[in-house]
Amino acid sequence: MNDVVRSAARVLDVLEYLAREGEGASLKDACGALGYPKSSMLMLLRTLVIRGYAVRDASDRYNLDPVFRSHGFGWGVQRHARLIAVARPIMEQLCAEVGETVLLGCAEQNRVRLLEKVVTKQLVGYDVELSSLLPLYCTAIGRILLAQMDISQQIAILGKERREALTPKTLTDPEAILAAVATAQKDGFAAIEEELVIGGTGVAAPIQGCDGAALAVLNIACVSARFTDKKDRILESLLHACRRISDSLGAHTK
């Protein structure tokens, strides 16, 4: 009796093949090496790319994600490594689509920690160092993170956080911030206009894991002068990208 599941075996065959090919492999190379039909091989490779285990370069060659190659299924000590691997190509597509910088962030010690960024190629654009720890109270990512908590947690965090007026538009009053967080909770996204920095507008939405909880937040950091004319397109593209990343992580969003 053969206990091997054919579809699972094929996925493992492709992973093992890519592990041997340090310089990557084309679709034709992979088909020749493993003997699978082109259509089947293409779907296997696309699935591995979508799930973050493989990457496709500009010359259409496939290789294992560098972190996965180094550490395997444990993904090393970086607990966000697979999330970043899954999100990065979608962030690149989103940046190209809306023409603005895209950020990926999570909560760390009651602050926003930036995990990855794709910076717009426009002459004037938003950028921030990945080493930066940003406040929760006046960033779009922060308000989405707060929206995942119950009201008592929100109040406790805002009570500890030093709330400075970083711009004339920054909300510092706890009740006003809680109201904005409640709106984000209801809408499924948060928009911040020039509260962190003059000239910068952020729109953020959550990325869900397989249990439905928010793993991280995706943010479009936009030059305010360009935001109004493409606000609806930015929001639609952002929510679609969040669903794609969430689905790739096993969330099965609607």
C-alpha atoms as a PDB file:
ATOM      1  CA  MET A   1       0.000   0.000   0.000  1.00  0.00           C
ATOM      2  CA  ASN A   2       1.372   3.393  -0.979  1.00  0.00           C
ATOM      3  CA  ASP A   3       0.805   5.970   1.759  1.00  0.00           C
ATOM      4  CA  VAL A   4       2.372   8.859  -0.181  1.00  0.00           C
ATOM      5  CA  VAL A   5       0.013  11.728  -1.017  1.00  0.00           C
ATOM      6  CA  ARG A   6       0.936  12.622  -4.566  1.00  0.00           C
ATOM      7  CA  SER A   7       0.224  16.363  -4.347  1.00  0.00           C
ATOM      8  CA  ALA A   8       2.207  16.722  -1.107  1.00  0.00           C
ATOM      9  CA  ALA A   9       5.077  14.735  -2.565  1.00  0.00           C
ATOM     10  CA  ARG A  10       5.218  17.041  -5.580  1.00  0.00           C
ATOM     11  CA  VAL A  11       5.472  20.136  -3.363  1.00  0.00           C
ATOM     12  CA  LEU A  12       8.316  18.543  -1.422  1.00  0.00           C
ATOM     13  CA  ASP A  13      10.011  17.494  -4.665  1.00  0.00           C
ATOM     14  CA  VAL A  14       9.994  21.103  -5.860  1.00  0.00           C
ATOM     15  CA  LEU A  15      11.286  22.422  -2.514  1.00  0.00           C
ATOM     16  CA  GLU A  16      14.096  19.873  -2.509  1.00  0.00           C
ATOM     17  CA  TYR A  17      14.948  20.647  -6.127  1.00  0.00           C
ATOM     18  CA  LEU A  18      15.148  24.403  -5.480  1.00  0.00           C
ATOM     19  CA  ALA A  19      17.280  23.729  -2.405  1.00  0.00           C
ATOM     20  CA  ARG A  20      19.830  22.030  -4.674  1.00  0.00           C
ATOM     21  CA  GLU A  21      19.788  24.830  -7.268  1.00  0.00           C
ATOM     22  CA  GLY A  22      21.753  27.622  -5.630  1.00  0.00           C
ATOM     23  CA  GLU A  23      21.456  29.882  -8.683  1.00  0.00           C
ATOM     24  CA  GLY A  24      17.718  29.291  -9.041  1.00  0.00           C
ATOM     25  CA  ALA A  25      15.833  27.569 -11.846  1.00  0.00           C
ATOM     26  CA  SER A  26      13.517  28.554 -14.677  1.00  0.00           C
ATOM     27  CA  LEU A  27      10.145  26.913 -15.239  1.00  0.00           C
ATOM     28  CA  LYS A  28      11.690  24.967 -18.133  1.00  0.00           C
ATOM     29  CA  ASP A  29      14.599  23.834 -15.936  1.00  0.00           C
ATOM     30  CA  ALA A  30      12.257  22.596 -13.205  1.00  0.00           C
ATOM     31  CA  CYS A  31      10.028  20.715 -15.665  1.00  0.00           C
ATOM     32  CA  GLY A  32      13.054  19.040 -17.222  1.00  0.00           C
ATOM     33  CA  ALA A  33      14.535  18.045 -13.874  1.00  0.00           C
ATOM     34  CA  LEU A  34      11.349  16.681 -12.292  1.00  0.00           C
ATOM     35  CA  GLY A  35       9.376  15.599 -15.338  1.00  0.00           C
ATOM     36  CA  TYR A  36       6.166  17.385 -14.375  1.00  0.00           C
ATOM     37  CA  PRO A  37       3.857  19.004 -16.966  1.00  0.00           C
ATOM     38  CA  LYS A  38       4.492  22.707 -17.470  1.00  0.00           C
ATOM     39  CA  SER A  39       1.036  23.708 -16.224  1.00  0.00           C
ATOM     40  CA  SER A  40       1.387  21.674 -13.011  1.00  0.00           C
ATOM     41  CA  MET A  41       4.896  22.915 -12.340  1.00  0.00           C
ATOM     42  CA  LEU A  42       3.858  26.526 -12.870  1.00  0.00           C
ATOM     43  CA  MET A  43       1.058  26.191 -10.285  1.00  0.00           C
ATOM     44  CA  LEU A  44       3.416  24.513  -7.795  1.00  0.00           C
ATOM     45  CA  LEU A  45       5.990  27.284  -8.182  1.00  0.00           C
ATOM     46  CA  ARG A  46       3.355  30.018  -7.948  1.00  0.00           C
ATOM     47  CA  THR A  47       1.989  28.463  -4.764  1.00  0.00           C
ATOM     48  CA  LEU A  48       5.425  28.403  -3.160  1.00  0.00           C
ATOM     49  CA  VAL A  49       5.959  32.059  -4.100  1.00  0.00           C
ATOM     50  CA  ILE A  50       2.553  33.099  -2.754  1.00  0.00           C
ATOM     51  CA  ARG A  51       3.165  31.239   0.512  1.00  0.00           C
ATOM     52  CA  GLY A  52       6.576  32.878   0.911  1.00  0.00           C
ATOM     53  CA  TYR A  53       8.792  29.800   0.528  1.00  0.00           C
ATOM     54  CA  ALA A  54      10.164  30.762  -2.879  1.00  0.00           C
ATOM     55  CA  VAL A  55      10.895  33.951  -4.797  1.00  0.00           C
ATOM     56  CA  ARG A  56      10.815  34.735  -8.521  1.00  0.00           C
ATOM     57  CA  ASP A  57      13.395  37.193  -9.840  1.00  0.00           C
ATOM     58  CA  ALA A  58      13.237  39.623 -12.753  1.00  0.00           C
ATOM     59  CA  SER A  59      14.489  36.957 -15.178  1.00  0.00           C
ATOM     60  CA  ASP A  60      11.684  34.552 -14.146  1.00  0.00           C
ATOM     61  CA  ARG A  61      14.000  32.227 -12.249  1.00  0.00           C
ATOM     62  CA  TYR A  62      12.740  30.668  -9.027  1.00  0.00           C
ATOM     63  CA  ASN A  63      14.746  30.184  -5.864  1.00  0.00           C
ATOM     64  CA  LEU A  64      14.097  29.479  -2.210  1.00  0.00           C
ATOM     65  CA  ASP A  65      13.486  32.506  -0.006  1.00  0.00           C
ATOM     66  CA  PRO A  66      16.923  33.293   1.520  1.00  0.00           C
ATOM     67  CA  VAL A  67      15.690  33.110   5.129  1.00  0.00           C
ATOM     68  CA  PHE A  68      13.868  29.832   4.497  1.00  0.00           C
ATOM     69  CA  ARG A  69      16.960  28.440   2.745  1.00  0.00           C
ATOM     70  CA  SER A  70      19.087  29.283   5.797  1.00  0.00           C
ATOM     71  CA  HIS A  71      16.722  28.185   8.539  1.00  0.00           C
ATOM     72  CA  GLY A  72      14.098  25.872   7.056  1.00  0.00           C
ATOM     73  CA  PHE A  73      10.552  25.686   8.352  1.00  0.00           C
ATOM     74  CA  GLY A  74      11.550  27.253  11.668  1.00  0.00           C
ATOM     75  CA  TRP A  75      12.377  30.467   9.773  1.00  0.00           C
ATOM     76  CA  GLY A  76      15.199  31.199  12.242  1.00  0.00           C
ATOM     77  CA  VAL A  77      14.962  33.546  15.196  1.00  0.00           C
ATOM     78  CA  GLN A  78      12.980  36.166  13.245  1.00  0.00           C
ATOM     79  CA  ARG A  79       9.390  35.308  14.072  1.00  0.00           C
ATOM     80  CA  HIS A  80       8.131  37.609  11.339  1.00  0.00           C
ATOM     81  CA  ALA A  81      10.358  36.165   8.600  1.00  0.00           C
ATOM     82  CA  ARG A  82       7.647  34.206   6.789  1.00  0.00           C
ATOM     83  CA  LEU A  83       5.182  37.098   7.096  1.00  0.00           C
ATOM     84  CA  ILE A  84       7.747  39.396   5.471  1.00  0.00           C
ATOM     85  CA  ALA A  85       8.494  36.827   2.762  1.00  0.00           C
ATOM     86  CA  VAL A  86       4.783  36.541   1.916  1.00  0.00           C
ATOM     87  CA  ALA A  87       4.085  40.271   2.146  1.00  0.00           C
ATOM     88  CA  ARG A  88       7.091  41.645   0.243  1.00  0.00           C
ATOM     89  CA  PRO A  89       6.021  40.850  -3.371  1.00  0.00           C
ATOM     90  CA  ILE A  90       2.469  42.021  -2.662  1.00  0.00           C
ATOM     91  CA  MET A  91       3.830  45.225  -1.133  1.00  0.00           C
ATOM     92  CA  GLU A  92       5.922  45.796  -4.267  1.00  0.00           C
ATOM     93  CA  GLN A  93       2.836  45.387  -6.467  1.00  0.00           C
ATOM     94  CA  LEU A  94       0.828  47.699  -4.206  1.00  0.00           C
ATOM     95  CA  CYS A  95       3.541  50.379  -4.287  1.00  0.00           C
ATOM     96  CA  ALA A  96       3.648  50.251  -8.090  1.00  0.00           C
ATOM     97  CA  GLU A  97      -0.139  50.366  -8.304  1.00  0.00           C
ATOM     98  CA  VAL A  98      -0.751  53.414  -6.076  1.00  0.00           C
ATOM     99  CA  GLY A  99       2.593  55.197  -6.489  1.00  0.00           C
ATOM    100  CA  GLU A 100       3.150  55.564  -2.741  1.00  0.00           C
ATOM    101  CA  THR A 101       5.354  53.984  -0.073  1.00  0.00           C
ATOM    102  CA  VAL A 102       4.076  50.803   1.581  1.00  0.00           C
ATOM    103  CA  LEU A 103       4.960  49.834   5.161  1.00  0.00           C
ATOM    104  CA  LEU A 104       4.468  46.654   7.176  1.00  0.00           C
ATOM    105  CA  GLY A 105       4.322  47.022  10.961  1.00  0.00           C
ATOM    106  CA  CYS A 106       3.473  45.270  14.200  1.00  0.00           C
ATOM    107  CA  ALA A 107       3.232  46.078  17.903  1.00  0.00           C
ATOM    108  CA  GLU A 108       6.344  45.996  20.074  1.00  0.00           C
ATOM    109  CA  GLN A 109       6.487  47.308  23.654  1.00  0.00           C
ATOM    110  CA  ASN A 110       3.422  49.502  23.109  1.00  0.00           C
ATOM    111  CA  ARG A 111       4.987  51.089  20.028  1.00  0.00           C
ATOM    112  CA  VAL A 112       4.828  50.469  16.279  1.00  0.00           C
ATOM    113  CA  ARG A 113       7.743  48.443  14.966  1.00  0.00           C
ATOM    114  CA  LEU A 114       8.287  48.606  11.197  1.00  0.00           C
ATOM    115  CA  LEU A 115       9.144  45.227   9.686  1.00  0.00           C
ATOM    116  CA  GLU A 116       9.446  45.992   5.964  1.00  0.00           C
ATOM    117  CA  LYS A 117       9.030  48.833   3.498  1.00  0.00           C
ATOM    118  CA  VAL A 118       8.788  49.411  -0.236  1.00  0.00           C
ATOM    119  CA  VAL A 119       9.554  53.041  -1.043  1.00  0.00           C
ATOM    120  CA  THR A 120       7.914  54.821  -3.972  1.00  0.00           C
ATOM    121  CA  LYS A 121      10.119  55.770  -6.903  1.00  0.00           C
ATOM    122  CA  GLN A 122       8.414  59.129  -7.277  1.00  0.00           C
ATOM    123  CA  LEU A 123      10.694  62.141  -6.884  1.00  0.00           C
ATOM    124  CA  VAL A 124       8.778  63.225  -3.785  1.00  0.00           C
ATOM    125  CA  GLY A 125       7.729  60.400  -1.510  1.00  0.00           C
ATOM    126  CA  TYR A 126       7.443  59.191   2.067  1.00  0.00           C
ATOM    127  CA  ASP A 127      10.258  57.226   3.682  1.00  0.00           C
ATOM    128  CA  VAL A 128      11.134  56.155   7.216  1.00  0.00           C
ATOM    129  CA  GLU A 129      13.906  54.080   8.768  1.00  0.00           C
ATOM    130  CA  LEU A 130      12.963  50.475   9.556  1.00  0.00           C
ATOM    131  CA  SER A 131      14.730  50.857  12.902  1.00  0.00           C
ATOM    132  CA  SER A 132      12.196  53.494  13.938  1.00  0.00           C
ATOM    133  CA  LEU A 133       9.722  52.812  16.730  1.00  0.00           C
ATOM    134  CA  LEU A 134       6.654  54.950  16.097  1.00  0.00           C
ATOM    135  CA  PRO A 135       3.868  55.954  18.501  1.00  0.00           C
ATOM    136  CA  LEU A 136       0.544  54.127  18.563  1.00  0.00           C
ATOM    137  CA  TYR A 137      -1.682  57.128  19.236  1.00  0.00           C
ATOM    138  CA  CYS A 138      -0.987  59.205  16.108  1.00  0.00           C
ATOM    139  CA  THR A 139      -0.166  56.667  13.375  1.00  0.00           C
ATOM    140  CA  ALA A 140      -2.538  54.687  11.165  1.00  0.00           C
ATOM    141  CA  ILE A 141      -0.720  51.450  11.992  1.00  0.00           C
ATOM    142  CA  GLY A 142      -0.929  52.272  15.693  1.00  0.00           C
ATOM    143  CA  ARG A 143      -4.658  52.888  15.632  1.00  0.00           C
ATOM    144  CA  ILE A 144      -5.277  49.595  13.845  1.00  0.00           C
ATOM    145  CA  LEU A 145      -3.171  47.833  16.484  1.00  0.00           C
ATOM    146  CA  LEU A 146      -5.149  49.563  19.238  1.00  0.00           C
ATOM    147  CA  ALA A 147      -8.374  48.538  17.503  1.00  0.00           C
ATOM    148  CA  GLN A 148      -7.450  44.880  18.047  1.00  0.00           C
ATOM    149  CA  MET A 149      -7.498  45.399  21.838  1.00  0.00           C
ATOM    150  CA  ASP A 150     -10.383  45.750  24.245  1.00  0.00           C
ATOM    151  CA  ILE A 151     -11.208  49.182  25.645  1.00  0.00           C
ATOM    152  CA  SER A 152      -9.456  48.604  28.984  1.00  0.00           C
ATOM    153  CA  GLN A 153      -6.191  47.765  27.193  1.00  0.00           C
ATOM    154  CA  GLN A 154      -6.538  50.822  24.983  1.00  0.00           C
ATOM    155  CA  ILE A 155      -7.042  53.101  27.983  1.00  0.00           C
ATOM    156  CA  ALA A 156      -4.111  51.530  29.845  1.00  0.00           C
ATOM    157  CA  ILE A 157      -1.737  51.994  26.889  1.00  0.00           C
ATOM    158  CA  LEU A 158      -2.792  55.562  26.207  1.00  0.00           C
ATOM    159  CA  GLY A 159      -2.359  56.310  29.911  1.00  0.00           C
ATOM    160  CA  LYS A 160       1.279  55.203  29.763  1.00  0.00           C
ATOM    161  CA  GLU A 161       2.142  56.761  26.400  1.00  0.00           C
ATOM    162  CA  ARG A 162       3.517  60.281  26.269  1.00  0.00           C
ATOM    163  CA  ARG A 163       1.168  61.975  23.829  1.00  0.00           C
ATOM    164  CA  GLU A 164       2.905  64.937  22.224  1.00  0.00           C
ATOM    165  CA  ALA A 165       1.403  67.213  19.602  1.00  0.00           C
ATOM    166  CA  LEU A 166       3.874  66.366  16.836  1.00  0.00           C
ATOM    167  CA  THR A 167       1.971  68.595  14.397  1.00  0.00           C
ATOM    168  CA  PRO A 168      -0.964  71.018  14.790  1.00  0.00           C
ATOM    169  CA  LYS A 169      -3.237  68.159  13.683  1.00  0.00           C
ATOM    170  CA  THR A 170      -2.063  65.529  16.183  1.00  0.00           C
ATOM    171  CA  LEU A 171      -4.806  64.141  18.439  1.00  0.00           C
ATOM    172  CA  THR A 172      -3.563  63.985  22.031  1.00  0.00           C
ATOM    173  CA  ASP A 173      -6.814  63.876  24.006  1.00  0.00           C
ATOM    174  CA  PRO A 174      -7.467  60.256  25.080  1.00  0.00           C
ATOM    175  CA  GLU A 175     -11.206  60.431  24.377  1.00  0.00           C
ATOM    176  CA  ALA A 176     -10.620  61.764  20.861  1.00  0.00           C
ATOM    177  CA  ILE A 177      -8.052  59.029  20.180  1.00  0.00           C
ATOM    178  CA  LEU A 178     -10.377  56.318  21.537  1.00  0.00           C
ATOM    179  CA  ALA A 179     -13.148  57.628  19.271  1.00  0.00           C
ATOM    180  CA  ALA A 180     -10.814  57.442  16.273  1.00  0.00           C
ATOM    181  CA  VAL A 181      -9.808  53.897  17.263  1.00  0.00           C
ATOM    182  CA  ALA A 182     -13.489  52.902  17.546  1.00  0.00           C
ATOM    183  CA  THR A 183     -14.064  54.254  14.031  1.00  0.00           C
ATOM    184  CA  ALA A 184     -11.109  52.233  12.743  1.00  0.00           C
ATOM    185  CA  GLN A 185     -12.491  49.153  14.474  1.00  0.00           C
ATOM    186  CA  LYS A 186     -15.854  49.652  12.766  1.00  0.00           C
ATOM    187  CA  ASP A 187     -14.486  50.535   9.318  1.00  0.00           C
ATOM    188  CA  GLY A 188     -11.695  47.964   9.187  1.00  0.00           C
ATOM    189  CA  PHE A 189      -9.081  50.603   8.339  1.00  0.00           C
ATOM    190  CA  ALA A 190      -7.555  53.774   9.798  1.00  0.00           C
ATOM    191  CA  ALA A 191      -6.589  56.990   8.051  1.00  0.00           C
ATOM    192  CA  ILE A 192      -4.266  59.572   9.614  1.00  0.00           C
ATOM    193  CA  GLU A 193      -3.790  62.930   7.920  1.00  0.00           C
ATOM    194  CA  GLU A 194      -0.671  64.854   8.989  1.00  0.00           C
ATOM    195  CA  GLU A 195      -0.810  63.815  12.645  1.00  0.00           C
ATOM    196  CA  LEU A 196       2.684  62.311  12.682  1.00  0.00           C
ATOM    197  CA  VAL A 197       4.359  64.649  10.191  1.00  0.00           C
ATOM    198  CA  ILE A 198       3.168  67.572   8.085  1.00  0.00           C
ATOM    199  CA  GLY A 199       2.747  66.507   4.475  1.00  0.00           C
ATOM    200  CA  GLY A 200       2.252  62.819   5.269  1.00  0.00           C
ATOM    201  CA  THR A 201      -0.986  60.822   5.265  1.00  0.00           C
ATOM    202  CA  GLY A 202      -1.233  57.179   6.290  1.00  0.00           C
ATOM    203  CA  VAL A 203      -3.931  54.585   5.591  1.00  0.00           C
ATOM    204  CA  ALA A 204      -3.654  51.188   7.299  1.00  0.00           C
ATOM    205  CA  ALA A 205      -5.533  47.901   7.586  1.00  0.00           C
ATOM    206  CA  PRO A 206      -4.895  44.615   9.445  1.00  0.00           C
ATOM    207  CA  ILE A 207      -3.357  41.397   8.133  1.00  0.00           C
ATOM    208  CA  GLN A 208      -4.957  38.309   9.640  1.00  0.00           C
ATOM    209  CA  GLY A 209      -3.343  35.012  10.546  1.00  0.00           C
ATOM    210  CA  CYS A 210      -4.889  31.554  10.297  1.00  0.00           C
ATOM    211  CA  ASP A 211      -6.752  32.097  13.605  1.00  0.00           C
ATOM    212  CA  GLY A 212      -8.325  35.326  12.360  1.00  0.00           C
ATOM    213  CA  ALA A 213      -6.307  37.533  14.729  1.00  0.00           C
ATOM    214  CA  ALA A 214      -4.311  40.457  13.368  1.00  0.00           C
ATOM    215  CA  LEU A 215      -0.666  39.447  12.840  1.00  0.00           C
ATOM    216  CA  ALA A 216       0.489  42.784  11.506  1.00  0.00           C
ATOM    217  CA  VAL A 217      -0.686  45.927   9.735  1.00  0.00           C
ATOM    218  CA  LEU A 218      -0.155  47.103   6.163  1.00  0.00           C
ATOM    219  CA  ASN A 219       0.120  50.849   5.633  1.00  0.00           C
ATOM    220  CA  ILE A 220       0.231  53.125   2.602  1.00  0.00           C
ATOM    221  CA  ALA A 221       2.272  56.208   3.487  1.00  0.00           C
ATOM    222  CA  CYS A 222       1.209  58.907   1.080  1.00  0.00           C
ATOM    223  CA  VAL A 223       2.233  62.464   0.317  1.00  0.00           C
ATOM    224  CA  SER A 224      -0.821  64.408   1.500  1.00  0.00           C
ATOM    225  CA  ALA A 225      -1.022  66.564  -1.606  1.00  0.00           C
ATOM    226  CA  ARG A 226      -1.579  63.433  -3.713  1.00  0.00           C
ATOM    227  CA  PHE A 227      -3.943  61.675  -1.311  1.00  0.00           C
ATOM    228  CA  THR A 228      -7.310  63.323  -2.038  1.00  0.00           C
ATOM    229  CA  ASP A 229      -7.392  62.577  -5.762  1.00  0.00           C
ATOM    230  CA  LYS A 230      -6.750  58.855  -5.305  1.00  0.00           C
ATOM    231  CA  LYS A 231      -8.130  58.180  -1.825  1.00  0.00           C
ATOM    232  CA  ASP A 232     -10.707  55.611  -2.969  1.00  0.00           C
ATOM    233  CA  ARG A 233      -8.218  53.756  -5.161  1.00  0.00           C
ATOM    234  CA  ILE A 234      -5.647  53.692  -2.362  1.00  0.00           C
ATOM    235  CA  LEU A 235      -8.139  52.222   0.102  1.00  0.00           C
ATOM    236  CA  GLU A 236      -9.444  49.625  -2.357  1.00  0.00           C
ATOM    237  CA  SER A 237      -5.902  48.533  -3.272  1.00  0.00           C
ATOM    238  CA  LEU A 238      -4.830  48.410   0.378  1.00  0.00           C
ATOM    239  CA  LEU A 239      -7.733  46.220   1.495  1.00  0.00           C
ATOM    240  CA  HIS A 240      -7.227  43.899  -1.463  1.00  0.00           C
ATOM    241  CA  ALA A 241      -3.511  43.545  -0.631  1.00  0.00           C
ATOM    242  CA  CYS A 242      -4.315  42.788   3.021  1.00  0.00           C
ATOM    243  CA  ARG A 243      -6.724  40.045   1.957  1.00  0.00           C
ATOM    244  CA  ARG A 244      -4.118  38.528  -0.370  1.00  0.00           C
ATOM    245  CA  ILE A 245      -1.475  38.431   2.357  1.00  0.00           C
ATOM    246  CA  SER A 246      -3.945  37.109   4.921  1.00  0.00           C
ATOM    247  CA  ASP A 247      -5.134  34.368   2.552  1.00  0.00           C
ATOM    248  CA  SER A 248      -1.536  33.358   1.832  1.00  0.00           C
ATOM    249  CA  LEU A 249      -1.041  32.971   5.575  1.00  0.00           C
ATOM    250  CA  GLY A 250      -4.093  30.712   5.816  1.00  0.00           C
ATOM    251  CA  ALA A 251      -6.690  33.193   7.084  1.00  0.00           C
ATOM    252  CA  HIS A 252      -9.238  32.459   4.294  1.00  0.00           C
ATOM    253  CA  THR A 253     -10.753  35.952   4.297  1.00  0.00           C
ATOM    254  CA  LYS A 254     -13.917  36.802   2.389  1.00  0.00           C
END
